[in-house]
Every structure is written in structure tokens, then in C-alpha cells.
Amino acid sequence: MKSLFIGCLIGTGLVCAQAFAGTTPPADLPPAAVAEGILAMQPMVKAAEADVRGAQAEQSRLKAGGYEYGVKVMGQRRNVAGGPNYSEWNATLERGLRLPGKAGLDQRIGEQGVLEATERVADARHEAGRQLLSMWYATRQATLEAGLWRKQVELLTQQKRIVEIRVKRGDGTQLEQLQAEAALSQAMSMSAVAEAKERAALAELQARFPGLPVPDDSQAAPPKPDGTETTWLDLMLAHNHELLAIQRAAEKARLQAQRAEADRVPDPTVGLYVANEQGGNDRIVGLSLAVPLPGEARRSQARVQLAKAEAMSEMEAATRRRLMATSAGNWQRATAGVDSWQRLDEAARAVVRHADLARRANELGELGLSDALLARRAALDAELAAGQARLSANEAVARLMLDAHQLWFTSGDDEHQ
């Protein structure tokens, strides 16, 4: 089994988690290249990519600063008692200046915003992947049920024909024929319901993920996950873009709190002005400096940003705890699901063999039709339970791998980790 070491950011430290490349994805998944292409075109992913462009524009705005040049022009008429009257004017060019350190904070805030938005793109792709898995296996479950009921209809149709032949020969009774017809009618009804569910599930899947191939009725044995629960937890945390995005947002909030604290010292506004007075006899050139007087509003804004930074830190901790619980559940469902399927599959094979023997015994007149029909229904239930367990186990393994970034991996997902 080949293994590789991946460095990852977990919290504020660097942790190396061992990723198991030997774990094989379930064979009943859609082709990886097709799935990745479809996920990349999902509207939620495109929306997140648009947010990246918005974050990049916001970064440029923060780098440039919020201050612009302003021009003020004023004209006046001076009337001198007993003297001449004068037309006068003055013009001012002014601009606010960021104090040292504020521009650097703004630049870092913009960078964190872009990194957060980038992580949101990967998180949106993973969320779309989780939805694809859920709908894909829901469709497979519907296909499984519909296929088993079609098989049941075929077997009961053969059973009905045998009973009809026996009745014509005088070896069977009208009651047995009615039983066979009733069992067939019930199976045909259930088959129609199952096929309707299959069509509905397939229609929803194709509408939600256009271009995805139709799931077939192949039966793929669930693979046993390699490693341990701790290994998969570390790997999931290393690659979880929701957590990484919240970490970026928390860092951004901390920087914004520092920026608000820095704003308690107001930025000055510097101006250059010229004036023409007394009809041009007086020409004035000067500099102006305006500094706001800080008050309670600035102190309150600093406290607001500090509270937001503290809230983001708590959200990061809550997200980490939720992801740990999710990882533990994924691991248990994947490992227990494989074991459960193996037991149910063995039981189903035994029940199906019993049903085949019961059918043969009924044909030979050694077993009543009621017992044969009961055996056949038990076989259907056992096959359905085993098939559902198989699909559930495959879905659980696929979800474990997807959350650990071992399924439908795209290289751009980790470029900012």
C-alpha cells in the first residue's frame, strides 16, 4: 500500500497527516473526470468564483484606500466702505492621509478576504459533491428496488404458469391458482410503484446534475477503508475548506479589530489652498491641516470589531467540533456498513437458496404453494436488505473519502492551504 505525507494547517499549527492512497473508491461511482467536470460547473461553485472576483476588487479598494482628492472653490464680493469693491476667490485641494500602519493592515485584510473567498469555492465544490453522492446513491437505491421487484414479477409469473399447468393436470387446486394470481398482482403493483420512484429519482438527478451518466444496476462490493479513525480525522481537518475559510475569516476579523483600534487615532486631512483677494492685490498660498476629534463612536466601533473577532474564534472552535463529530460518524458508518453488508449478503444468499429449493419442492408437489410464496417473499426482502446495505456502505466510504479529499480531487483546491 502506497502512502504519502501531506502538510496541512490545522488551527495555527502545522500538522502532517498520513493519507492512504491505497483506499479504492467504490466501483459504482460515476467516472471521476465526468463528476469533477460537472461539479466545476455547478451554479453554487460559479457563484463562489464570482465572490472571489469581488474579494479581489475589495482588496484593490483597500490597497488604494478610502481617501480621494477633493477640490473646493469659493468666490466672494468684498465691498469696502468709501472705497472700491473687489471680486475675490479661493481654491483648495485636499486629501485625507492614512497614518503609518493602517495601509499595511488594509492590505492584509484584503489578502485574507481573497483567501477566504478562494476557500469558499472549494467548499462549494465539496458541498456539491456531497449532494451528488446523496442523489446518486438514492437513485441507485431506487434502481435496486425496481430491479428486484421486476425479478419478483418474472419469478411469480413462472410460478403462476406452473400452477396453471398443475391445475389443468388435476394436480393443483383453484385455491393455489388464486394464491399465485394474487401474489403476482401484488408484485406487479409493487413493481409499478418502484419503477415510478426510480424514474422520479433519475429525473431529479439529471435535472440537478446535467450530463451525469445514468446509474446502472451493477453490484460493486464496498471497499474496506484503510487506516484508523484518527488518520481520517486528521486528513479531513487538513483538507476541510469550510474550516479553512472560517480560519481565514477569523484572521480577517482580528485584523479588522486591529484596524478599528488604529482608527481611534483619526487620519488627518491635508490641503493646499490659494486665494485672490482685493482684486488681485493680495495673493495667498497656504497649507491646511484638519484632524477630527475622536469620541465615543470610534471607541464603540473598536469594541464592535473586537467582539466580532471573538465570535469568529468561537465559530471556528464550534466548526472544528462539528467536523470531528461528522468524521467520527463517517468512519463508523463506513466500517460498520461494510461489515453489516457482508453479514446481510451471506444471509441473503442462504435465503435465496432456500427460496429456490422451496420453489422446486412446490413444483414436485412436496411443498405447499403458500410456503413457497413465503420463501420467495423472504428472499426478496433479504436481497433488498443486502442490496441496500451494500449501497449504503459504498455511499459511506465515498463520503469518508470525499470529506478527506481523496475523492474527485482537483489540484486547485489546496493551493492556498
Protein backbone atom coordinates (compact mmCIF):
# COMPACT_ATOMS: atom_id res chain seq x y z
CA MET A 1 0.00 0.00 0.00
CA LYS A 2 1.46 3.32 -1.04
CA SER A 3 1.23 6.22 1.39
CA LEU A 4 2.06 9.89 1.18
CA PHE A 5 2.51 12.68 3.71
CA ILE A 6 0.56 15.89 3.34
CA GLY A 7 1.35 19.02 5.32
CA CYS A 8 -1.74 20.88 6.43
CA LEU A 9 -2.79 23.80 8.51
CA ILE A 10 -4.88 22.82 11.50
CA GLY A 11 -5.68 25.76 13.69
CA THR A 12 -2.48 27.75 13.97
CA GLY A 13 -0.01 24.85 13.79
CA LEU A 14 1.42 22.68 11.05
CA VAL A 15 0.40 19.02 11.25
CA CYS A 16 1.43 16.18 8.96
CA ALA A 17 -1.33 13.65 8.35
CA GLN A 18 -0.72 10.36 6.61
CA ALA A 19 -3.06 9.92 3.69
CA PHE A 20 -3.78 6.42 2.47
CA ALA A 21 -3.63 6.28 -1.30
CA GLY A 22 -4.42 2.57 -1.23
CA THR A 23 -8.10 3.06 -0.35
CA THR A 24 -10.02 2.37 -3.53
CA PRO A 25 -13.18 4.39 -4.23
CA PRO A 26 -16.39 2.37 -4.64
CA ALA A 27 -16.66 0.98 -8.15
CA ASP A 28 -20.29 2.05 -8.56
CA LEU A 29 -19.46 5.78 -8.63
CA PRO A 30 -19.70 7.84 -11.82
CA PRO A 31 -16.41 8.35 -13.71
CA ALA A 32 -14.15 10.73 -11.78
CA ALA A 33 -13.41 13.01 -14.75
CA VAL A 34 -17.11 13.37 -15.53
CA ALA A 35 -18.03 14.06 -11.91
CA GLU A 36 -15.28 16.66 -11.49
CA GLY A 37 -16.33 18.45 -14.68
CA ILE A 38 -19.97 18.55 -13.61
CA LEU A 39 -19.12 19.75 -10.11
CA ALA A 40 -16.97 22.56 -11.52
CA MET A 41 -19.98 23.85 -13.50
CA GLN A 42 -22.44 23.90 -10.59
CA PRO A 43 -24.13 27.28 -10.01
CA MET A 44 -23.04 27.36 -6.36
CA VAL A 45 -19.44 26.93 -7.48
CA LYS A 46 -19.78 29.64 -10.11
CA ALA A 47 -21.32 31.95 -7.51
CA ALA A 48 -18.38 31.33 -5.18
CA GLU A 49 -15.96 32.07 -8.04
CA ALA A 50 -17.77 35.37 -8.62
CA ASP A 51 -17.28 36.13 -4.92
CA VAL A 52 -13.54 35.64 -5.43
CA ARG A 53 -13.57 38.32 -8.11
CA GLY A 54 -15.47 40.57 -5.73
CA ALA A 55 -12.93 39.91 -2.97
CA GLN A 56 -10.09 40.74 -5.36
CA ALA A 57 -11.78 44.04 -6.22
CA GLU A 58 -12.25 44.73 -2.49
CA GLN A 59 -8.55 44.01 -1.99
CA SER A 60 -7.71 46.60 -4.64
CA ARG A 61 -10.03 49.11 -2.95
CA LEU A 62 -8.42 48.57 0.44
CA LYS A 63 -4.96 48.89 -1.06
CA ALA A 64 -5.89 52.18 -2.69
CA GLY A 65 -7.50 53.49 0.49
CA GLY A 66 -10.77 55.28 1.03
CA TYR A 67 -9.48 58.81 0.61
CA GLU A 68 -9.67 60.80 -2.64
CA TYR A 69 -8.58 64.25 -3.69
CA GLY A 70 -11.15 66.96 -3.17
CA VAL A 71 -11.37 70.44 -4.65
CA LYS A 72 -13.20 73.40 -3.11
CA VAL A 73 -13.67 76.67 -4.98
CA MET A 74 -15.31 79.74 -3.44
CA GLY A 75 -15.99 83.20 -4.84
CA GLN A 76 -16.94 86.35 -2.94
CA ARG A 77 -17.54 90.07 -3.36
CA ARG A 78 -15.78 92.46 -0.97
CA ASN A 79 -17.47 95.84 -0.52
CA VAL A 80 -15.24 98.42 1.19
CA ALA A 81 -16.99 101.47 2.73
CA GLY A 82 -15.85 104.58 0.92
CA GLY A 83 -13.53 102.55 -1.20
CA PRO A 84 -13.51 100.32 -4.26
CA ASN A 85 -15.26 96.93 -4.36
CA TYR A 86 -13.33 93.76 -5.10
CA SER A 87 -14.09 90.33 -6.60
CA GLU A 88 -12.23 87.63 -4.68
CA TRP A 89 -11.87 83.85 -4.86
CA ASN A 90 -10.05 80.99 -3.21
CA ALA A 91 -9.48 77.33 -4.15
CA THR A 92 -8.40 74.37 -2.02
CA LEU A 93 -7.04 70.94 -2.99
CA GLU A 94 -7.18 68.47 -0.08
CA ARG A 95 -6.85 64.79 0.66
CA GLY A 96 -7.01 62.53 3.71
CA LEU A 97 -3.87 60.59 4.63
CA ARG A 98 -3.71 57.18 6.30
CA LEU A 99 -1.44 57.14 9.28
CA PRO A 100 1.53 54.72 9.22
CA GLY A 101 0.49 51.10 9.80
CA LYS A 102 -3.10 51.45 8.60
CA ALA A 103 -2.29 50.81 4.96
CA GLY A 104 -0.48 47.60 5.89
CA LEU A 105 -3.49 46.41 7.89
CA ASP A 106 -5.80 47.20 4.99
CA GLN A 107 -3.58 45.21 2.64
CA ARG A 108 -3.60 42.19 4.96
CA ILE A 109 -7.36 42.43 5.40
CA GLY A 110 -7.80 42.37 1.62
CA GLU A 111 -5.49 39.38 1.26
CA GLN A 112 -7.39 37.42 3.88
CA GLY A 113 -10.66 38.26 2.13
CA VAL A 114 -9.36 36.80 -1.14
CA LEU A 115 -8.05 33.68 0.61
CA GLU A 116 -11.38 33.19 2.38
CA ALA A 117 -13.32 33.55 -0.88
CA THR A 118 -10.97 31.07 -2.56
CA GLU A 119 -11.60 28.52 0.17
CA ARG A 120 -15.34 29.07 -0.28
CA VAL A 121 -15.02 27.98 -3.92
CA ALA A 122 -13.51 24.64 -2.90
CA ASP A 123 -16.06 24.29 -0.10
CA ALA A 124 -18.89 24.90 -2.58
CA ARG A 125 -17.45 22.21 -4.86
CA HIS A 126 -17.28 19.76 -1.95
CA GLU A 127 -20.84 20.60 -0.89
CA ALA A 128 -21.98 19.96 -4.47
CA GLY A 129 -20.05 16.67 -4.34
CA ARG A 130 -21.88 15.65 -1.16
CA GLN A 131 -25.20 16.43 -2.82
CA LEU A 132 -24.17 14.43 -5.89
CA LEU A 133 -23.28 11.43 -3.74
CA SER A 134 -26.58 11.58 -1.89
CA MET A 135 -28.70 11.80 -5.05
CA TRP A 136 -26.55 9.28 -6.94
CA TYR A 137 -26.99 6.59 -4.32
CA ALA A 138 -30.65 7.48 -3.79
CA THR A 139 -31.14 6.77 -7.49
CA ARG A 140 -29.18 3.54 -7.18
CA GLN A 141 -31.36 2.51 -4.25
CA ALA A 142 -34.47 3.15 -6.35
CA THR A 143 -32.96 1.22 -9.28
CA LEU A 144 -32.13 -1.68 -6.97
CA GLU A 145 -35.67 -1.86 -5.60
CA ALA A 146 -37.23 -1.60 -9.05
CA GLY A 147 -34.94 -4.32 -10.41
CA LEU A 148 -35.71 -6.73 -7.57
CA TRP A 149 -39.46 -6.24 -8.00
CA ARG A 150 -39.14 -6.87 -11.75
CA LYS A 151 -37.27 -10.06 -10.91
CA GLN A 152 -40.00 -10.96 -8.44
CA VAL A 153 -42.65 -10.44 -11.12
CA GLU A 154 -40.76 -12.71 -13.50
CA LEU A 155 -40.42 -15.49 -10.91
CA LEU A 156 -44.05 -15.25 -9.81
CA THR A 157 -45.17 -15.27 -13.45
CA GLN A 158 -43.30 -18.55 -13.90
CA GLN A 159 -44.82 -19.81 -10.64
CA LYS A 160 -48.31 -18.92 -11.85
CA ARG A 161 -47.77 -20.79 -15.13
CA ILE A 162 -46.61 -23.89 -13.27
CA VAL A 163 -49.69 -23.75 -11.03
CA GLU A 164 -51.96 -23.36 -14.05
CA ILE A 165 -50.38 -26.42 -15.67
CA ARG A 166 -50.80 -28.40 -12.46
CA VAL A 167 -54.44 -27.34 -12.20
CA LYS A 168 -55.07 -28.45 -15.76
CA ARG A 169 -53.45 -31.81 -14.97
CA GLY A 170 -55.55 -32.11 -11.85
CA ASP A 171 -52.52 -31.91 -9.54
CA GLY A 172 -53.33 -28.44 -8.26
CA THR A 173 -56.30 -26.62 -6.79
CA GLN A 174 -58.19 -23.47 -7.72
CA LEU A 175 -57.12 -22.01 -4.37
CA GLU A 176 -53.47 -22.37 -5.32
CA GLN A 177 -54.16 -20.67 -8.64
CA LEU A 178 -55.87 -17.78 -6.84
CA GLN A 179 -52.91 -17.53 -4.47
CA ALA A 180 -50.47 -17.42 -7.36
CA GLU A 181 -52.53 -14.78 -9.17
CA ALA A 182 -52.82 -12.66 -6.02
CA ALA A 183 -49.09 -12.84 -5.35
CA LEU A 184 -48.35 -11.88 -8.95
CA SER A 185 -50.79 -8.97 -8.88
CA GLN A 186 -49.28 -7.66 -5.68
CA ALA A 187 -45.76 -7.96 -7.11
CA MET A 188 -46.80 -6.16 -10.30
CA SER A 189 -48.31 -3.36 -8.21
CA MET A 190 -45.18 -3.00 -6.11
CA SER A 191 -43.05 -3.13 -9.24
CA ALA A 192 -45.01 -0.25 -10.77
CA VAL A 193 -44.53 1.80 -7.61
CA ALA A 194 -40.81 1.03 -7.51
CA GLU A 195 -40.36 1.93 -11.18
CA ALA A 196 -42.14 5.25 -10.60
CA LYS A 197 -39.75 6.00 -7.73
CA GLU A 198 -36.84 5.06 -9.97
CA ARG A 199 -37.97 7.41 -12.74
CA ALA A 200 -38.51 10.24 -10.27
CA ALA A 201 -35.10 9.79 -8.65
CA LEU A 202 -33.39 9.63 -12.04
CA ALA A 203 -35.23 12.74 -13.27
CA GLU A 204 -34.16 14.68 -10.17
CA LEU A 205 -30.56 13.52 -10.53
CA GLN A 206 -30.33 14.51 -14.19
CA ALA A 207 -32.05 17.86 -13.57
CA ARG A 208 -29.72 18.68 -10.67
CA PHE A 209 -26.55 17.41 -12.39
CA PRO A 210 -26.97 17.62 -16.18
CA GLY A 211 -24.58 15.40 -18.10
CA LEU A 212 -24.21 12.82 -15.37
CA PRO A 213 -24.49 9.27 -16.74
CA VAL A 214 -27.45 7.11 -15.76
CA PRO A 215 -26.55 4.77 -12.89
CA ASP A 216 -26.56 1.13 -13.95
CA ASP A 217 -27.61 -1.88 -11.89
CA SER A 218 -24.07 -3.21 -11.37
CA GLN A 219 -23.22 -4.55 -7.94
CA ALA A 220 -19.92 -3.34 -6.52
CA ALA A 221 -18.65 -4.71 -3.22
CA PRO A 222 -17.88 -1.93 -0.70
CA PRO A 223 -14.12 -1.43 -0.15
CA LYS A 224 -12.78 -1.55 3.40
CA PRO A 225 -11.26 1.82 4.39
CA ASP A 226 -7.56 1.76 5.23
CA GLY A 227 -6.08 3.49 8.24
CA THR A 228 -7.72 4.41 11.52
CA GLU A 229 -10.40 6.79 12.68
CA THR A 230 -7.72 9.26 13.83
CA THR A 231 -5.98 9.13 10.46
CA TRP A 232 -9.13 10.03 8.60
CA LEU A 233 -9.99 12.75 11.12
CA ASP A 234 -6.60 14.42 10.67
CA LEU A 235 -6.88 14.12 6.92
CA MET A 236 -10.38 15.61 6.86
CA LEU A 237 -9.40 18.55 9.06
CA ALA A 238 -6.33 19.15 6.90
CA HIS A 239 -8.42 19.49 3.76
CA ASN A 240 -11.71 20.85 5.06
CA HIS A 241 -12.28 24.09 3.19
CA GLU A 242 -15.18 25.15 5.40
CA LEU A 243 -12.82 25.18 8.39
CA LEU A 244 -10.06 26.84 6.37
CA ALA A 245 -12.48 29.54 5.20
CA ILE A 246 -13.58 30.22 8.78
CA GLN A 247 -9.94 30.41 9.85
CA ARG A 248 -9.35 32.98 7.11
CA ALA A 249 -12.46 34.88 8.20
CA ALA A 250 -11.33 34.76 11.84
CA GLU A 251 -7.92 36.15 10.90
CA LYS A 252 -9.63 38.84 8.84
CA ALA A 253 -11.83 39.74 11.81
CA ARG A 254 -8.77 40.00 14.06
CA LEU A 255 -7.12 42.33 11.56
CA GLN A 256 -10.29 44.41 11.31
CA ALA A 257 -10.32 44.70 15.11
CA GLN A 258 -6.73 45.98 14.96
CA ARG A 259 -7.75 48.37 12.20
CA ALA A 260 -10.65 49.72 14.24
CA GLU A 261 -8.35 50.20 17.22
CA ALA A 262 -5.90 52.06 14.99
CA ASP A 263 -8.77 54.27 13.79
CA ARG A 264 -9.16 55.60 17.32
CA VAL A 265 -6.32 57.89 16.23
CA PRO A 266 -8.02 59.83 13.38
CA ASP A 267 -6.42 60.33 10.00
CA PRO A 268 -5.57 63.94 9.14
CA THR A 269 -6.74 65.79 6.06
CA VAL A 270 -4.04 67.89 4.38
CA GLY A 271 -4.86 70.65 1.92
CA LEU A 272 -3.19 73.21 -0.33
CA TYR A 273 -5.06 76.41 -0.91
CA VAL A 274 -4.65 79.58 -2.95
CA ALA A 275 -6.62 82.80 -2.60
CA ASN A 276 -7.01 86.01 -4.59
CA GLU A 277 -8.16 88.97 -2.54
CA GLN A 278 -8.62 92.71 -3.05
CA GLY A 279 -8.88 92.39 -6.77
CA GLY A 280 -5.58 90.58 -7.06
CA ASN A 281 -3.60 92.87 -4.81
CA ASP A 282 -3.31 90.07 -2.25
CA ARG A 283 -2.34 86.59 -3.35
CA ILE A 284 -2.27 83.91 -0.69
CA VAL A 285 -0.82 80.39 -0.80
CA GLY A 286 -1.00 78.11 2.23
CA LEU A 287 -1.39 74.65 3.71
CA SER A 288 -4.27 73.35 5.81
CA LEU A 289 -4.45 70.51 8.30
CA ALA A 290 -7.71 69.10 9.68
CA VAL A 291 -7.83 66.41 12.36
CA PRO A 292 -11.15 65.01 13.68
CA LEU A 293 -11.50 64.88 17.43
CA PRO A 294 -12.07 61.23 18.41
CA GLY A 295 -15.08 60.38 20.52
CA GLU A 296 -17.20 57.55 21.81
CA ALA A 297 -18.19 56.40 18.30
CA ARG A 298 -14.63 55.33 17.47
CA ARG A 299 -14.20 53.55 20.80
CA SER A 300 -17.52 51.73 20.29
CA GLN A 301 -16.57 50.70 16.76
CA ALA A 302 -13.33 49.22 18.09
CA ARG A 303 -15.29 47.22 20.66
CA VAL A 304 -17.71 46.03 17.95
CA GLN A 305 -14.89 44.69 15.80
CA LEU A 306 -13.22 43.05 18.79
CA ALA A 307 -16.47 41.27 19.67
CA LYS A 308 -16.81 40.07 16.06
CA ALA A 309 -13.27 38.69 16.19
CA GLU A 310 -14.07 36.82 19.41
CA ALA A 311 -17.29 35.47 17.85
CA MET A 312 -15.38 34.20 14.82
CA SER A 313 -12.90 32.42 17.08
CA GLU A 314 -15.76 30.66 18.85
CA MET A 315 -17.33 29.78 15.48
CA GLU A 316 -14.04 28.25 14.40
CA ALA A 317 -14.00 26.10 17.55
CA ALA A 318 -17.63 25.08 17.03
CA THR A 319 -16.98 24.19 13.40
CA ARG A 320 -13.97 22.10 14.33
CA ARG A 321 -16.01 20.23 16.95
CA ARG A 322 -18.85 19.60 14.47
CA LEU A 323 -16.41 18.33 11.84
CA MET A 324 -14.82 15.98 14.36
CA ALA A 325 -18.27 14.55 15.10
CA THR A 326 -19.00 14.25 11.38
CA SER A 327 -15.70 12.47 10.77
CA ALA A 328 -16.37 10.03 13.60
CA GLY A 329 -19.81 9.28 12.16
CA ASN A 330 -18.39 8.87 8.66
CA TRP A 331 -15.80 6.39 9.90
CA GLN A 332 -18.30 4.35 11.90
CA ARG A 333 -20.80 4.24 9.03
CA ALA A 334 -18.10 3.24 6.54
CA THR A 335 -16.53 0.46 8.62
CA ALA A 336 -19.73 -0.83 10.22
CA GLY A 337 -21.52 -0.58 6.87
CA VAL A 338 -19.05 -2.89 5.18
CA ASP A 339 -19.32 -5.44 8.00
CA SER A 340 -23.13 -5.22 8.00
CA TRP A 341 -23.29 -5.72 4.24
CA GLN A 342 -21.09 -8.81 4.44
CA ARG A 343 -23.36 -10.42 7.02
CA LEU A 344 -26.57 -9.46 5.19
CA ASP A 345 -25.15 -10.64 1.88
CA GLU A 346 -24.34 -14.05 3.31
CA ALA A 347 -27.81 -14.27 4.83
CA ALA A 348 -29.44 -13.22 1.57
CA ARG A 349 -27.60 -15.91 -0.38
CA ALA A 350 -28.82 -18.54 2.08
CA VAL A 351 -32.42 -17.27 1.96
CA VAL A 352 -32.38 -17.19 -1.86
CA ARG A 353 -31.11 -20.78 -1.97
CA HIS A 354 -33.90 -21.75 0.41
CA ALA A 355 -36.45 -19.98 -1.81
CA ASP A 356 -35.15 -21.80 -4.90
CA LEU A 357 -35.40 -25.14 -3.10
CA ALA A 358 -38.90 -24.28 -1.89
CA ARG A 359 -39.96 -23.42 -5.44
CA ARG A 360 -38.52 -26.71 -6.73
CA ALA A 361 -40.21 -28.64 -3.93
CA ASN A 362 -43.51 -27.00 -4.80
CA GLU A 363 -43.11 -27.95 -8.44
CA LEU A 364 -42.59 -31.56 -7.33
CA GLY A 365 -45.61 -31.41 -5.07
CA GLU A 366 -43.53 -31.78 -1.90
CA LEU A 367 -44.31 -28.30 -0.51
CA GLY A 368 -47.41 -26.17 -0.46
CA LEU A 369 -47.67 -23.05 -2.58
CA SER A 370 -48.14 -20.79 0.47
CA ASP A 371 -44.80 -21.89 1.89
CA ALA A 372 -43.09 -21.42 -1.47
CA LEU A 373 -44.54 -17.91 -1.84
CA LEU A 374 -43.47 -17.01 1.69
CA ALA A 375 -39.97 -18.24 0.95
CA ARG A 376 -39.90 -16.21 -2.25
CA ARG A 377 -41.01 -13.03 -0.42
CA ALA A 378 -38.42 -13.65 2.29
CA ALA A 379 -35.77 -13.97 -0.42
CA LEU A 380 -36.88 -10.66 -1.93
CA ASP A 381 -36.69 -8.92 1.44
CA ALA A 382 -33.27 -10.41 2.13
CA GLU A 383 -31.90 -9.40 -1.28
CA LEU A 384 -33.32 -5.91 -0.85
CA ALA A 385 -31.78 -5.55 2.63
CA ALA A 386 -28.41 -6.79 1.41
CA GLY A 387 -28.50 -4.53 -1.65
CA GLN A 388 -29.45 -1.51 0.41
CA ALA A 389 -26.68 -2.28 2.89
CA ARG A 390 -24.20 -2.58 0.02
CA LEU A 391 -25.19 0.79 -1.44
CA SER A 392 -25.25 2.45 1.98
CA ALA A 393 -21.77 1.13 2.72
CA ASN A 394 -20.46 2.34 -0.64
CA GLU A 395 -22.00 5.76 -0.03
CA ALA A 396 -20.46 5.91 3.45
CA VAL A 397 -17.00 5.02 2.11
CA ALA A 398 -17.35 7.55 -0.69
CA ARG A 399 -18.44 10.25 1.78
CA LEU A 400 -15.48 9.41 4.03
CA MET A 401 -13.10 9.76 1.09
CA LEU A 402 -14.77 12.90 -0.24
CA ASP A 403 -14.53 14.70 3.09
CA ALA A 404 -10.91 13.59 3.40
CA HIS A 405 -10.21 14.98 -0.08
CA GLN A 406 -9.43 11.56 -1.51
CA LEU A 407 -12.32 11.53 -3.99
CA TRP A 408 -12.85 13.80 -7.01
CA PHE A 409 -9.74 15.70 -6.05
CA THR A 410 -8.90 18.85 -8.02
CA SER A 411 -5.45 20.38 -7.68
CA GLY A 412 -6.76 23.92 -7.26
CA ASP A 413 -8.48 23.04 -4.02
CA ASP A 414 -5.32 23.07 -1.93
CA GLU A 415 -3.30 25.83 -3.47
CA HIS A 416 -3.96 28.19 -0.55
CA GLN A 417 -3.61 25.78 2.35
